[in-house]
Amino acid sequence: MHKQELQELLEEKFRLYNKPDFIPNDPISIPHRYTLQQDIEIAGFFAALFAWGNRTTILKKCEDLLNRMDAAPFAFIQQHQAVDLKRFLNFKHRTFQPTDILYCIEFLKYHYQHHSSLEAAFCLQQQDMGNRLNAFHAYFFSLPDAPERTRKHIPAPAKGSTCKRLNMFLRWMVRKDQRGVDFGIWKKIKPSTLICPVDVHVARVARMLGLIERKQTDWQTAVELTHALRKFDAADPVKYDLALFSLGVHEQARMLKTSFQTSGT
């Protein structure tokens, strides 16, 4: 598949899935319930952290968590009392345990006491996104009682993770167009600096399309993929996440393989 054909395919799938019809069955539907920026940030943060596994379960667990926050996450984070935290003692989602949720709440309360937006937590470093995410990880676990077990839920490039869920959350908050899927409520981070979220579906399709060569699926893979996508849109490379993810999830591997064989690649 030649570069022009590949770009046309990605643009076609981007246009197909970057529209409101995509929202209801996706974790991004959770922050779309809100209009207050801080509510969007908090709901989006938890929705991104929970976003692996069965989508129906993800959405139900997000709704359950937010209901325990009286469906007003920012107000709850700011105003809750110690007794209110008992609501979360039986909350679990996959490997998330009450300890993890309670620490996330504690961190968010601490952060919003000092900043008006969660964006500030991702702006501690002004270098590349890898450094930003490493700095965020250090900041997130800077509170004295940070539990060791919770660290597995907040990835960092320094640990080799693709940071798929954090990169997805940043995509939601940073990139903006006229289609109404991503929010674009953060202005200090440029869309051009974002890194494409990579999971097994995206990595499989990206390798099939010749966008990445790296055998491992780690942070460097995400950087390599984003570098390739910048050749198609330097200002907004992660918009193609929608295309790659949809191709992977909807099992388009056979179609892609056929395209390769037809084009002689």
Protein backbone atom coordinates (compact mmCIF):
# COMPACT_ATOMS: atom_id res chain seq x y z
CA MET A 1 0.00 0.00 0.00
CA HIS A 2 1.54 3.30 -1.11
CA LYS A 3 1.73 6.36 1.13
CA GLN A 4 -1.12 8.13 -0.65
CA GLU A 5 -3.35 5.05 -0.42
CA LEU A 6 -2.51 4.65 3.25
CA GLN A 7 -3.32 8.27 4.01
CA GLU A 8 -6.61 7.99 2.16
CA LEU A 9 -7.51 4.88 4.18
CA LEU A 10 -6.68 6.56 7.48
CA GLU A 11 -8.57 9.72 6.55
CA GLU A 12 -11.58 7.68 5.48
CA LYS A 13 -11.72 5.77 8.76
CA PHE A 14 -11.05 8.94 10.76
CA ARG A 15 -14.04 10.65 9.15
CA LEU A 16 -16.16 7.54 9.66
CA TYR A 17 -15.53 7.26 13.41
CA ASN A 18 -14.85 10.87 14.43
CA LYS A 19 -18.51 11.78 14.88
CA PRO A 20 -21.09 11.85 17.68
CA ASP A 21 -22.43 8.40 16.72
CA PHE A 22 -19.14 7.01 18.03
CA ILE A 23 -19.60 8.43 21.53
CA PRO A 24 -22.38 6.41 23.28
CA ASN A 25 -20.57 3.05 23.35
CA ASP A 26 -17.12 4.46 24.10
CA PRO A 27 -15.60 5.44 27.48
CA ILE A 28 -15.47 9.03 26.22
CA SER A 29 -19.24 9.07 26.72
CA ILE A 30 -18.63 9.33 30.48
CA PRO A 31 -17.05 12.82 30.50
CA HIS A 32 -19.54 13.87 27.81
CA ARG A 33 -22.20 13.80 30.52
CA TYR A 34 -20.75 16.99 31.99
CA THR A 35 -20.24 20.61 31.02
CA LEU A 36 -18.11 21.93 33.89
CA GLN A 37 -14.44 21.60 32.93
CA GLN A 38 -13.35 20.02 36.21
CA ASP A 39 -16.19 17.48 36.04
CA ILE A 40 -15.09 16.58 32.51
CA GLU A 41 -11.49 16.20 33.66
CA ILE A 42 -12.29 13.99 36.65
CA ALA A 43 -14.86 11.83 34.84
CA GLY A 44 -12.53 11.53 31.87
CA PHE A 45 -9.57 10.61 34.06
CA PHE A 46 -11.41 7.73 35.71
CA ALA A 47 -13.00 6.62 32.43
CA ALA A 48 -9.55 6.44 30.84
CA LEU A 49 -8.05 4.56 33.80
CA PHE A 50 -10.89 2.01 33.68
CA ALA A 51 -10.74 1.62 29.89
CA TRP A 52 -9.60 -1.89 29.34
CA GLY A 53 -11.68 -5.00 28.91
CA ASN A 54 -15.37 -5.23 28.08
CA ARG A 55 -16.79 -1.85 27.12
CA THR A 56 -20.19 -2.47 28.69
CA THR A 57 -18.49 -3.26 31.99
CA ILE A 58 -16.25 -0.20 31.70
CA LEU A 59 -19.24 2.10 31.25
CA LYS A 60 -21.18 0.49 34.10
CA LYS A 61 -18.24 0.78 36.48
CA CYS A 62 -17.65 4.41 35.54
CA GLU A 63 -21.32 5.17 36.15
CA ASP A 64 -21.20 3.34 39.47
CA LEU A 65 -18.15 5.31 40.60
CA LEU A 66 -19.62 8.67 39.61
CA ASN A 67 -22.94 7.85 41.30
CA ARG A 68 -20.99 7.28 44.52
CA MET A 69 -19.73 10.83 43.99
CA ASP A 70 -23.34 12.03 43.77
CA ALA A 71 -22.89 12.41 39.98
CA ALA A 72 -20.96 15.62 40.71
CA PRO A 73 -17.30 14.57 40.80
CA PHE A 74 -15.67 17.98 41.23
CA ALA A 75 -18.00 18.99 44.05
CA PHE A 76 -17.43 15.64 45.71
CA ILE A 77 -13.63 15.86 45.38
CA GLN A 78 -13.66 19.31 46.95
CA GLN A 79 -16.27 18.87 49.67
CA HIS A 80 -16.36 15.22 50.77
CA GLN A 81 -15.87 14.31 54.40
CA ALA A 82 -14.04 11.27 55.75
CA VAL A 83 -17.34 9.45 56.33
CA ASP A 84 -18.22 9.81 52.64
CA LEU A 85 -15.23 7.70 51.66
CA LYS A 86 -16.93 4.62 53.09
CA ARG A 87 -18.96 4.54 49.87
CA PHE A 88 -15.91 3.23 48.04
CA LEU A 89 -14.90 0.42 50.40
CA ASN A 90 -16.69 -2.17 48.29
CA PHE A 91 -15.89 -0.66 44.87
CA LYS A 92 -13.83 -2.84 42.55
CA HIS A 93 -13.09 -2.86 38.84
CA ARG A 94 -10.78 -5.57 37.55
CA THR A 95 -7.55 -4.94 39.47
CA PHE A 96 -8.75 -1.61 40.89
CA GLN A 97 -9.35 -1.99 44.60
CA PRO A 98 -10.79 0.48 47.14
CA THR A 99 -7.25 1.46 48.14
CA ASP A 100 -6.56 2.62 44.58
CA ILE A 101 -9.77 4.61 44.24
CA LEU A 102 -9.32 6.27 47.63
CA TYR A 103 -5.81 7.37 46.76
CA CYS A 104 -6.96 8.77 43.41
CA ILE A 105 -9.58 10.79 45.27
CA GLU A 106 -6.98 11.99 47.76
CA PHE A 107 -4.62 13.05 44.98
CA LEU A 108 -7.35 14.88 43.07
CA LYS A 109 -8.43 16.73 46.20
CA TYR A 110 -4.83 17.77 46.86
CA HIS A 111 -4.31 18.86 43.25
CA TYR A 112 -7.49 20.93 42.97
CA GLN A 113 -6.61 22.69 46.21
CA HIS A 114 -3.64 24.16 44.36
CA HIS A 115 -4.75 24.29 40.71
CA SER A 116 -7.95 25.07 38.86
CA SER A 117 -7.41 22.40 36.20
CA LEU A 118 -5.91 18.92 36.00
CA GLU A 119 -3.97 20.16 32.97
CA ALA A 120 -1.38 21.64 35.34
CA ALA A 121 -0.42 18.12 36.44
CA PHE A 122 0.70 17.36 32.89
CA CYS A 123 2.63 20.62 32.47
CA LEU A 124 5.31 20.10 35.11
CA GLN A 125 7.79 19.47 32.31
CA GLN A 126 7.84 21.53 29.12
CA GLN A 127 9.84 19.03 27.10
CA ASP A 128 8.49 16.08 25.12
CA MET A 129 5.48 14.04 26.15
CA GLY A 130 7.61 11.28 27.63
CA ASN A 131 9.08 13.71 30.14
CA ARG A 132 5.65 15.19 30.83
CA LEU A 133 4.19 11.78 31.67
CA ASN A 134 7.17 10.79 33.81
CA ALA A 135 6.79 14.05 35.74
CA PHE A 136 3.05 13.43 36.12
CA HIS A 137 3.75 9.94 37.52
CA ALA A 138 6.19 11.35 40.08
CA TYR A 139 3.74 14.08 41.06
CA PHE A 140 0.79 11.71 41.32
CA PHE A 141 2.65 9.55 43.83
CA SER A 142 4.25 12.42 45.73
CA LEU A 143 1.79 12.33 48.63
CA PRO A 144 3.21 10.73 51.80
CA ASP A 145 0.76 7.81 51.94
CA ALA A 146 0.85 6.85 48.25
CA PRO A 147 0.22 3.08 48.13
CA GLU A 148 2.72 1.00 46.21
CA ARG A 149 0.02 -1.18 44.67
CA THR A 150 -1.65 1.81 42.96
CA ARG A 151 1.45 2.52 40.86
CA LYS A 152 0.50 -0.19 38.38
CA HIS A 153 -2.58 1.84 37.44
CA ILE A 154 -0.67 5.02 36.55
CA PRO A 155 1.92 4.12 33.89
CA ALA A 156 5.08 5.99 32.96
CA PRO A 157 7.30 5.93 29.85
CA ALA A 158 10.31 5.41 32.12
CA LYS A 159 8.84 2.03 32.99
CA GLY A 160 8.45 1.10 29.32
CA SER A 161 4.67 1.38 29.23
CA THR A 162 2.89 2.62 26.11
CA CYS A 163 0.82 4.75 28.54
CA LYS A 164 -2.15 4.01 26.30
CA ARG A 165 -4.84 5.16 28.71
CA LEU A 166 -3.09 8.39 29.72
CA ASN A 167 -2.40 9.20 26.06
CA MET A 168 -6.06 8.56 25.30
CA PHE A 169 -7.11 10.86 28.16
CA LEU A 170 -4.77 13.56 26.83
CA ARG A 171 -6.27 13.15 23.36
CA TRP A 172 -9.73 13.72 24.79
CA MET A 173 -8.67 16.83 26.70
CA VAL A 174 -6.32 18.43 24.15
CA ARG A 175 -7.34 17.83 20.54
CA LYS A 176 -10.37 19.63 19.14
CA ASP A 177 -12.17 19.80 15.83
CA GLN A 178 -15.71 20.49 14.72
CA ARG A 179 -16.92 16.88 15.03
CA GLY A 180 -17.67 16.91 18.76
CA VAL A 181 -15.86 13.78 19.95
CA ASP A 182 -12.74 15.12 21.69
CA PHE A 183 -13.15 18.08 24.05
CA GLY A 184 -10.16 20.35 23.37
CA ILE A 185 -10.54 22.10 26.73
CA TRP A 186 -6.81 22.19 27.49
CA LYS A 187 -4.79 24.88 25.74
CA LYS A 188 -1.27 24.64 27.20
CA ILE A 189 -0.50 21.33 25.46
CA LYS A 190 -0.38 21.35 21.68
CA PRO A 191 -2.07 18.53 19.74
CA SER A 192 1.11 18.14 17.71
CA THR A 193 2.97 16.98 20.85
CA LEU A 194 0.52 14.21 21.76
CA ILE A 195 1.49 10.54 21.44
CA CYS A 196 -0.86 8.08 19.81
CA PRO A 197 -2.50 5.63 22.24
CA VAL A 198 -1.26 2.12 21.49
CA ASP A 199 -2.82 -1.17 22.56
CA VAL A 200 -2.67 -4.63 20.99
CA HIS A 201 -5.32 -3.73 18.39
CA VAL A 202 -3.62 -0.52 17.27
CA ALA A 203 -0.16 -2.14 17.27
CA ARG A 204 -1.37 -5.04 15.13
CA VAL A 205 -2.94 -2.79 12.52
CA ALA A 206 -0.02 -0.35 12.55
CA ARG A 207 2.48 -3.14 11.88
CA MET A 208 0.31 -4.51 9.11
CA LEU A 209 0.19 -1.06 7.52
CA GLY A 210 3.96 -0.66 7.83
CA LEU A 211 3.69 2.27 10.22
CA ILE A 212 5.91 0.66 12.85
CA GLU A 213 8.75 -1.84 12.71
CA ARG A 214 9.53 -2.28 16.38
CA LYS A 215 8.71 -5.80 17.58
CA GLN A 216 7.93 -4.86 21.18
CA THR A 217 4.86 -2.88 22.12
CA ASP A 218 6.18 -0.25 24.49
CA TRP A 219 6.68 3.52 24.81
CA GLN A 220 9.17 3.61 21.92
CA THR A 221 6.58 1.86 19.76
CA ALA A 222 4.05 4.59 20.53
CA VAL A 223 6.66 7.25 19.68
CA GLU A 224 7.56 5.47 16.43
CA LEU A 225 3.91 5.25 15.41
CA THR A 226 3.27 8.91 16.21
CA HIS A 227 6.33 9.93 14.18
CA ALA A 228 4.90 8.01 11.21
CA LEU A 229 1.47 9.61 11.64
CA ARG A 230 2.99 13.11 11.70
CA LYS A 231 3.94 12.58 8.06
CA PHE A 232 0.20 12.62 7.29
CA ASP A 233 -0.79 15.41 9.70
CA ALA A 234 2.00 17.10 11.63
CA ALA A 235 -0.36 19.36 13.56
CA ASP A 236 -2.77 16.63 14.70
CA PRO A 237 -1.21 13.15 14.36
CA VAL A 238 -3.26 11.43 17.07
CA LYS A 239 -6.51 12.01 15.20
CA TYR A 240 -5.62 8.76 13.42
CA ASP A 241 -6.00 6.89 16.71
CA LEU A 242 -9.70 6.73 15.88
CA ALA A 243 -8.92 5.13 12.52
CA LEU A 244 -6.35 2.62 13.78
CA PHE A 245 -8.37 1.60 16.82
CA SER A 246 -11.54 1.10 14.82
CA LEU A 247 -9.71 -0.98 12.23
CA GLY A 248 -8.29 -3.17 14.98
CA VAL A 249 -11.38 -3.56 17.13
CA HIS A 250 -13.68 -4.24 14.21
CA GLU A 251 -11.34 -6.96 12.95
CA GLN A 252 -10.35 -5.45 9.63
CA ALA A 253 -7.10 -7.44 9.48
CA ARG A 254 -8.28 -9.61 6.61
CA MET A 255 -9.40 -6.60 4.61
CA LEU A 256 -6.04 -4.92 5.15
CA LYS A 257 -4.16 -8.06 4.16
CA THR A 258 -6.19 -8.23 0.97
CA SER A 259 -5.35 -4.61 0.26
CA PHE A 260 -1.64 -5.37 0.60
CA GLN A 261 -1.86 -8.31 -1.77
CA THR A 262 -3.87 -6.29 -4.30
CA SER A 263 -1.38 -3.43 -4.23
CA GLY A 264 1.58 -5.76 -4.54
CA THR A 265 3.20 -4.81 -1.23
